[in-house]
Amino acid sequence: MIQKIVFFFEMKSFGVCKWWARKLGINTSKVRIGFIYASFIALGSPLLIYLIMAWILEHKHYFKLQRKTRSTIWEL
């Protein structure tokens, strides 16, 4: 039963910790532990931050700016 729950959360995770771990160059489990400890210390407020970051990561294609390189001024 516990393995089913763990598998469900691993498959449905948003990838926030993995994204942060890749950006910081550390292990994913350390980032997850950091979120857990921060949630206990700050009484759950990091959970709200985590959900906001998850929403942004799920919709990041809306936030990406299209940057075109222009070679001359006439291509404005």
PDB file of N, CA and C in Angstrom:
ATOM      1  N   MET A   1       0.829  -1.198   0.000  1.00  0.00           N
ATOM      2  CA  MET A   1       0.000   0.000   0.000  1.00  0.00           C
ATOM      3  C   MET A   1       0.874   1.264   0.000  1.00  0.00           C
ATOM      4  N   ILE A   2       1.904   1.274   0.817  1.00  0.00           N
ATOM      5  CA  ILE A   2       2.794   2.435   0.892  1.00  0.00           C
ATOM      6  C   ILE A   2       3.512   2.638  -0.438  1.00  0.00           C
ATOM      7  N   GLN A   3       3.918   1.549  -1.074  1.00  0.00           N
ATOM      8  CA  GLN A   3       4.614   1.669  -2.362  1.00  0.00           C
ATOM      9  C   GLN A   3       3.708   2.256  -3.430  1.00  0.00           C
ATOM     10  N   LYS A   4       2.424   1.949  -3.391  1.00  0.00           N
ATOM     11  CA  LYS A   4       1.478   2.525  -4.353  1.00  0.00           C
ATOM     12  C   LYS A   4       1.360   4.028  -4.159  1.00  0.00           C
ATOM     13  N   ILE A   5       1.336   4.447  -2.901  1.00  0.00           N
ATOM     14  CA  ILE A   5       1.243   5.884  -2.605  1.00  0.00           C
ATOM     15  C   ILE A   5       2.507   6.603  -3.056  1.00  0.00           C
ATOM     16  N   VAL A   6       3.657   6.027  -2.756  1.00  0.00           N
ATOM     17  CA  VAL A   6       4.932   6.628  -3.160  1.00  0.00           C
ATOM     18  C   VAL A   6       5.023   6.688  -4.681  1.00  0.00           C
ATOM     19  N   PHE A   7       4.630   5.608  -5.357  1.00  0.00           N
ATOM     20  CA  PHE A   7       4.665   5.582  -6.819  1.00  0.00           C
ATOM     21  C   PHE A   7       3.744   6.641  -7.417  1.00  0.00           C
ATOM     22  N   PHE A   8       2.554   6.803  -6.821  1.00  0.00           N
ATOM     23  CA  PHE A   8       1.616   7.814  -7.301  1.00  0.00           C
ATOM     24  C   PHE A   8       2.219   9.210  -7.218  1.00  0.00           C
ATOM     25  N   PHE A   9       2.830   9.534  -6.079  1.00  0.00           N
ATOM     26  CA  PHE A   9       3.399  10.872  -5.919  1.00  0.00           C
ATOM     27  C   PHE A   9       4.634  11.083  -6.787  1.00  0.00           C
ATOM     28  N   GLU A  10       5.402  10.025  -7.028  1.00  0.00           N
ATOM     29  CA  GLU A  10       6.552  10.162  -7.914  1.00  0.00           C
ATOM     30  C   GLU A  10       6.116  10.380  -9.350  1.00  0.00           C
ATOM     31  N   MET A  11       5.050   9.739  -9.767  1.00  0.00           N
ATOM     32  CA  MET A  11       4.579   9.901 -11.141  1.00  0.00           C
ATOM     33  C   MET A  11       3.860  11.235 -11.347  1.00  0.00           C
ATOM     34  N   LYS A  12       3.204  11.739 -10.333  1.00  0.00           N
ATOM     35  CA  LYS A  12       2.438  12.979 -10.443  1.00  0.00           C
ATOM     36  C   LYS A  12       3.172  14.196  -9.914  1.00  0.00           C
ATOM     37  N   SER A  13       4.436  14.037  -9.562  1.00  0.00           N
ATOM     38  CA  SER A  13       5.174  15.177  -9.019  1.00  0.00           C
ATOM     39  C   SER A  13       5.372  16.228 -10.102  1.00  0.00           C
ATOM     40  N   PHE A  14       5.523  17.425  -9.683  1.00  0.00           N
ATOM     41  CA  PHE A  14       5.602  18.542 -10.611  1.00  0.00           C
ATOM     42  C   PHE A  14       7.004  18.779 -11.145  1.00  0.00           C
ATOM     43  N   GLY A  15       8.010  18.271 -10.499  1.00  0.00           N
ATOM     44  CA  GLY A  15       9.375  18.449 -10.957  1.00  0.00           C
ATOM     45  C   GLY A  15      10.053  19.696 -10.439  1.00  0.00           C
ATOM     46  N   VAL A  16       9.482  20.307  -9.419  1.00  0.00           N
ATOM     47  CA  VAL A  16      10.071  21.528  -8.877  1.00  0.00           C
ATOM     48  C   VAL A  16      11.421  21.225  -8.233  1.00  0.00           C
ATOM     49  N   CYS A  17      11.476  20.189  -7.431  1.00  0.00           N
ATOM     50  CA  CYS A  17      12.735  19.848  -6.755  1.00  0.00           C
ATOM     51  C   CYS A  17      13.795  19.415  -7.759  1.00  0.00           C
ATOM     52  N   LYS A  18      13.366  18.687  -8.783  1.00  0.00           N
ATOM     53  CA  LYS A  18      14.322  18.257  -9.804  1.00  0.00           C
ATOM     54  C   LYS A  18      14.863  19.461 -10.564  1.00  0.00           C
ATOM     55  N   TRP A  19      14.005  20.425 -10.857  1.00  0.00           N
ATOM     56  CA  TRP A  19      14.433  21.637 -11.568  1.00  0.00           C
ATOM     57  C   TRP A  19      15.426  22.422 -10.726  1.00  0.00           C
ATOM     58  N   TRP A  20      15.119  22.609  -9.423  1.00  0.00           N
ATOM     59  CA  TRP A  20      16.026  23.332  -8.540  1.00  0.00           C
ATOM     60  C   TRP A  20      17.345  22.601  -8.387  1.00  0.00           C
ATOM     61  N   ALA A  21      17.279  21.263  -8.274  1.00  0.00           N
ATOM     62  CA  ALA A  21      18.510  20.485  -8.119  1.00  0.00           C
ATOM     63  C   ALA A  21      19.388  20.607  -9.352  1.00  0.00           C
ATOM     64  N   ARG A  22      18.780  20.590 -10.520  1.00  0.00           N
ATOM     65  CA  ARG A  22      19.542  20.736 -11.757  1.00  0.00           C
ATOM     66  C   ARG A  22      20.167  22.125 -11.829  1.00  0.00           C
ATOM     67  N   LYS A  23      19.424  23.170 -11.450  1.00  0.00           N
ATOM     68  CA  LYS A  23      19.940  24.534 -11.485  1.00  0.00           C
ATOM     69  C   LYS A  23      21.069  24.748 -10.475  1.00  0.00           C
ATOM     70  N   LEU A  24      20.932  24.135  -9.295  1.00  0.00           N
ATOM     71  CA  LEU A  24      21.932  24.322  -8.245  1.00  0.00           C
ATOM     72  C   LEU A  24      23.069  23.320  -8.327  1.00  0.00           C
ATOM     73  N   GLY A  25      22.883  22.251  -9.088  1.00  0.00           N
ATOM     74  CA  GLY A  25      23.924  21.253  -9.247  1.00  0.00           C
ATOM     75  C   GLY A  25      24.081  20.339  -8.036  1.00  0.00           C
ATOM     76  N   ILE A  26      22.969  20.070  -7.336  1.00  0.00           N
ATOM     77  CA  ILE A  26      23.020  19.181  -6.174  1.00  0.00           C
ATOM     78  C   ILE A  26      22.033  18.038  -6.368  1.00  0.00           C
ATOM     79  N   ASN A  27      22.017  17.124  -5.418  1.00  0.00           N
ATOM     80  CA  ASN A  27      21.151  15.960  -5.477  1.00  0.00           C
ATOM     81  C   ASN A  27      19.686  16.367  -5.219  1.00  0.00           C
ATOM     82  N   THR A  28      18.772  15.712  -5.922  1.00  0.00           N
ATOM     83  CA  THR A  28      17.349  16.033  -5.792  1.00  0.00           C
ATOM     84  C   THR A  28      16.834  15.749  -4.387  1.00  0.00           C
ATOM     85  N   SER A  29      17.324  14.704  -3.775  1.00  0.00           N
ATOM     86  CA  SER A  29      16.839  14.357  -2.432  1.00  0.00           C
ATOM     87  C   SER A  29      17.192  15.442  -1.413  1.00  0.00           C
ATOM     88  N   LYS A  30      18.304  16.122  -1.604  1.00  0.00           N
ATOM     89  CA  LYS A  30      18.673  17.205  -0.689  1.00  0.00           C
ATOM     90  C   LYS A  30      17.714  18.381  -0.814  1.00  0.00           C
ATOM     91  N   VAL A  31      17.266  18.661  -2.020  1.00  0.00           N
ATOM     92  CA  VAL A  31      16.304  19.750  -2.220  1.00  0.00           C
ATOM     93  C   VAL A  31      14.963  19.378  -1.593  1.00  0.00           C
ATOM     94  N   ARG A  32      14.549  18.125  -1.760  1.00  0.00           N
ATOM     95  CA  ARG A  32      13.284  17.673  -1.165  1.00  0.00           C
ATOM     96  C   ARG A  32      13.343  17.742   0.357  1.00  0.00           C
ATOM     97  N   ILE A  33      14.458  17.305   0.918  1.00  0.00           N
ATOM     98  CA  ILE A  33      14.629  17.373   2.378  1.00  0.00           C
ATOM     99  C   ILE A  33      14.594  18.835   2.834  1.00  0.00           C
ATOM    100  N   GLY A  34      15.205  19.712   2.059  1.00  0.00           N
ATOM    101  CA  GLY A  34      15.175  21.135   2.397  1.00  0.00           C
ATOM    102  C   GLY A  34      13.764  21.690   2.417  1.00  0.00           C
ATOM    103  N   PHE A  35      12.944  21.302   1.438  1.00  0.00           N
ATOM    104  CA  PHE A  35      11.546  21.746   1.427  1.00  0.00           C
ATOM    105  C   PHE A  35      10.783  21.187   2.629  1.00  0.00           C
ATOM    106  N   ILE A  36      11.055  19.946   2.983  1.00  0.00           N
ATOM    107  CA  ILE A  36      10.362  19.345   4.127  1.00  0.00           C
ATOM    108  C   ILE A  36      10.745  20.061   5.414  1.00  0.00           C
ATOM    109  N   TYR A  37      12.044  20.280   5.624  1.00  0.00           N
ATOM    110  CA  TYR A  37      12.486  20.980   6.834  1.00  0.00           C
ATOM    111  C   TYR A  37      11.954  22.411   6.874  1.00  0.00           C
ATOM    112  N   ALA A  38      11.987  23.080   5.741  1.00  0.00           N
ATOM    113  CA  ALA A  38      11.482  24.459   5.698  1.00  0.00           C
ATOM    114  C   ALA A  38       9.986  24.504   5.989  1.00  0.00           C
ATOM    115  N   SER A  39       9.250  23.494   5.551  1.00  0.00           N
ATOM    116  CA  SER A  39       7.818  23.460   5.833  1.00  0.00           C
ATOM    117  C   SER A  39       7.543  23.289   7.316  1.00  0.00           C
ATOM    118  N   PHE A  40       8.362  22.473   7.994  1.00  0.00           N
ATOM    119  CA  PHE A  40       8.181  22.313   9.434  1.00  0.00           C
ATOM    120  C   PHE A  40       8.568  23.572  10.189  1.00  0.00           C
ATOM    121  N   ILE A  41       9.640  24.210   9.773  1.00  0.00           N
ATOM    122  CA  ILE A  41      10.121  25.403  10.480  1.00  0.00           C
ATOM    123  C   ILE A  41       9.191  26.592  10.237  1.00  0.00           C
ATOM    124  N   ALA A  42       8.755  26.769   8.986  1.00  0.00           N
ATOM    125  CA  ALA A  42       7.957  27.940   8.637  1.00  0.00           C
ATOM    126  C   ALA A  42       6.458  27.656   8.659  1.00  0.00           C
ATOM    127  N   LEU A  43       6.055  26.558   9.258  1.00  0.00           N
ATOM    128  CA  LEU A  43       4.647  26.194   9.445  1.00  0.00           C
ATOM    129  C   LEU A  43       3.879  26.078   8.127  1.00  0.00           C
ATOM    130  N   GLY A  44       4.505  25.523   7.112  1.00  0.00           N
ATOM    131  CA  GLY A  44       3.812  25.200   5.878  1.00  0.00           C
ATOM    132  C   GLY A  44       3.837  26.249   4.784  1.00  0.00           C
ATOM    133  N   SER A  45       4.393  27.405   5.037  1.00  0.00           N
ATOM    134  CA  SER A  45       4.409  28.433   3.999  1.00  0.00           C
ATOM    135  C   SER A  45       5.252  28.037   2.783  1.00  0.00           C
ATOM    136  N   PRO A  46       6.336  27.250   2.917  1.00  0.00           N
ATOM    137  CA  PRO A  46       7.047  26.800   1.714  1.00  0.00           C
ATOM    138  C   PRO A  46       6.203  25.908   0.808  1.00  0.00           C
ATOM    139  N   LEU A  47       5.172  25.302   1.372  1.00  0.00           N
ATOM    140  CA  LEU A  47       4.273  24.504   0.544  1.00  0.00           C
ATOM    141  C   LEU A  47       3.546  25.396  -0.459  1.00  0.00           C
ATOM    142  N   LEU A  48       3.151  26.573  -0.048  1.00  0.00           N
ATOM    143  CA  LEU A  48       2.525  27.526  -0.961  1.00  0.00           C
ATOM    144  C   LEU A  48       3.502  27.966  -2.035  1.00  0.00           C
ATOM    145  N   ILE A  49       4.739  28.223  -1.661  1.00  0.00           N
ATOM    146  CA  ILE A  49       5.778  28.597  -2.632  1.00  0.00           C
ATOM    147  C   ILE A  49       6.013  27.455  -3.618  1.00  0.00           C
ATOM    148  N   TYR A  50       6.043  26.217  -3.102  1.00  0.00           N
ATOM    149  CA  TYR A  50       6.241  25.044  -3.949  1.00  0.00           C
ATOM    150  C   TYR A  50       5.118  24.931  -4.975  1.00  0.00           C
ATOM    151  N   LEU A  51       3.867  25.140  -4.549  1.00  0.00           N
ATOM    152  CA  LEU A  51       2.739  25.033  -5.473  1.00  0.00           C
ATOM    153  C   LEU A  51       2.755  26.142  -6.524  1.00  0.00           C
ATOM    154  N   ILE A  52       3.186  27.321  -6.141  1.00  0.00           N
ATOM    155  CA  ILE A  52       3.315  28.415  -7.111  1.00  0.00           C
ATOM    156  C   ILE A  52       4.392  28.088  -8.135  1.00  0.00           C
ATOM    157  N   MET A  53       5.534  27.569  -7.654  1.00  0.00           N
ATOM    158  CA  MET A  53       6.601  27.191  -8.585  1.00  0.00           C
ATOM    159  C   MET A  53       6.156  26.048  -9.491  1.00  0.00           C
ATOM    160  N   ALA A  54       5.372  25.119  -8.961  1.00  0.00           N
ATOM    161  CA  ALA A  54       4.871  24.010  -9.776  1.00  0.00           C
ATOM    162  C   ALA A  54       3.954  24.531 -10.869  1.00  0.00           C
ATOM    163  N   TRP A  55       3.101  25.503 -10.534  1.00  0.00           N
ATOM    164  CA  TRP A  55       2.204  26.073 -11.539  1.00  0.00           C
ATOM    165  C   TRP A  55       3.000  26.788 -12.627  1.00  0.00           C
ATOM    166  N   ILE A  56       4.024  27.521 -12.216  1.00  0.00           N
ATOM    167  CA  ILE A  56       4.858  28.228 -13.192  1.00  0.00           C
ATOM    168  C   ILE A  56       5.598  27.242 -14.090  1.00  0.00           C
ATOM    169  N   LEU A  57       6.133  26.162 -13.516  1.00  0.00           N
ATOM    170  CA  LEU A  57       6.839  25.174 -14.329  1.00  0.00           C
ATOM    171  C   LEU A  57       5.900  24.453 -15.289  1.00  0.00           C
ATOM    172  N   GLU A  58       4.655  24.218 -14.871  1.00  0.00           N
ATOM    173  CA  GLU A  58       3.695  23.568 -15.761  1.00  0.00           C
ATOM    174  C   GLU A  58       3.286  24.483 -16.910  1.00  0.00           C
ATOM    175  N   HIS A  59       3.326  25.786 -16.696  1.00  0.00           N
ATOM    176  CA  HIS A  59       2.896  26.754 -17.712  1.00  0.00           C
ATOM    177  C   HIS A  59       4.044  27.626 -18.200  1.00  0.00           C
ATOM    178  N   LYS A  60       5.263  27.125 -18.140  1.00  0.00           N
ATOM    179  CA  LYS A  60       6.418  27.948 -18.491  1.00  0.00           C
ATOM    180  C   LYS A  60       6.456  28.331 -19.960  1.00  0.00           C
ATOM    181  N   HIS A  61       5.760  27.594 -20.818  1.00  0.00           N
ATOM    182  CA  HIS A  61       5.764  27.956 -22.230  1.00  0.00           C
ATOM    183  C   HIS A  61       5.025  29.276 -22.464  1.00  0.00           C
ATOM    184  N   TYR A  62       4.173  29.688 -21.527  1.00  0.00           N
ATOM    185  CA  TYR A  62       3.511  30.983 -21.649  1.00  0.00           C
ATOM    186  C   TYR A  62       4.421  32.129 -21.230  1.00  0.00           C
ATOM    187  N   PHE A  63       5.431  31.845 -20.418  1.00  0.00           N
ATOM    188  CA  PHE A  63       6.296  32.882 -19.890  1.00  0.00           C
ATOM    189  C   PHE A  63       7.565  33.098 -20.703  1.00  0.00           C
ATOM    190  N   LYS A  64       7.865  32.184 -21.598  1.00  0.00           N
ATOM    191  CA  LYS A  64       9.092  32.303 -22.385  1.00  0.00           C
ATOM    192  C   LYS A  64       8.947  33.442 -23.390  1.00  0.00           C
ATOM    193  N   LEU A  65       9.956  34.251 -23.437  1.00  0.00           N
ATOM    194  CA  LEU A  65       9.969  35.342 -24.402  1.00  0.00           C
ATOM    195  C   LEU A  65      10.673  34.877 -25.667  1.00  0.00           C
ATOM    196  N   GLN A  66      10.098  35.193 -26.786  1.00  0.00           N
ATOM    197  CA  GLN A  66      10.714  34.842 -28.060  1.00  0.00           C
ATOM    198  C   GLN A  66      11.730  35.916 -28.404  1.00  0.00           C
ATOM    199  N   ARG A  67      12.980  35.533 -28.432  1.00  0.00           N
ATOM    200  CA  ARG A  67      14.028  36.491 -28.756  1.00  0.00           C
ATOM    201  C   ARG A  67      14.576  36.170 -30.134  1.00  0.00           C
ATOM    202  N   LYS A  68      14.404  37.109 -31.016  1.00  0.00           N
ATOM    203  CA  LYS A  68      14.956  36.956 -32.352  1.00  0.00           C
ATOM    204  C   LYS A  68      16.186  37.837 -32.457  1.00  0.00           C
ATOM    205  N   THR A  69      17.172  37.322 -33.083  1.00  0.00           N
ATOM    206  CA  THR A  69      18.355  38.138 -33.313  1.00  0.00           C
ATOM    207  C   THR A  69      18.173  38.852 -34.653  1.00  0.00           C
ATOM    208  N   ARG A  70      18.307  40.122 -34.606  1.00  0.00           N
ATOM    209  CA  ARG A  70      18.165  40.920 -35.803  1.00  0.00           C
ATOM    210  C   ARG A  70      19.545  41.323 -36.299  1.00  0.00           C
ATOM    211  N   SER A  71      19.730  41.169 -37.554  1.00  0.00           N
ATOM    212  CA  SER A  71      21.064  41.477 -38.081  1.00  0.00           C
ATOM    213  C   SER A  71      21.198  42.944 -38.481  1.00  0.00           C
ATOM    214  N   THR A  72      20.113  43.577 -38.906  1.00  0.00           N
ATOM    215  CA  THR A  72      20.194  44.989 -39.297  1.00  0.00           C
ATOM    216  C   THR A  72      19.035  45.757 -38.672  1.00  0.00           C
ATOM    217  N   ILE A  73      19.104  47.041 -38.771  1.00  0.00           N
ATOM    218  CA  ILE A  73      18.041  47.888 -38.238  1.00  0.00           C
ATOM    219  C   ILE A  73      16.795  47.829 -39.122  1.00  0.00           C
ATOM    220  N   TRP A  74      16.944  47.424 -40.357  1.00  0.00           N
ATOM    221  CA  TRP A  74      15.827  47.399 -41.294  1.00  0.00           C
ATOM    222  C   TRP A  74      14.869  46.235 -41.040  1.00  0.00           C
ATOM    223  N   GLU A  75      15.239  45.316 -40.160  1.00  0.00           N
ATOM    224  CA  GLU A  75      14.400  44.174 -39.867  1.00  0.00           C
ATOM    225  C   GLU A  75      13.513  44.402 -38.644  1.00  0.00           C
ATOM    226  N   LEU A  76      13.381  45.607 -38.201  1.00  0.00           N
ATOM    227  CA  LEU A  76      12.511  45.915 -37.077  1.00  0.00           C
ATOM    228  C   LEU A  76      11.119  45.717 -37.505  1.00  0.00           C
TER     229      LEU A  76
END
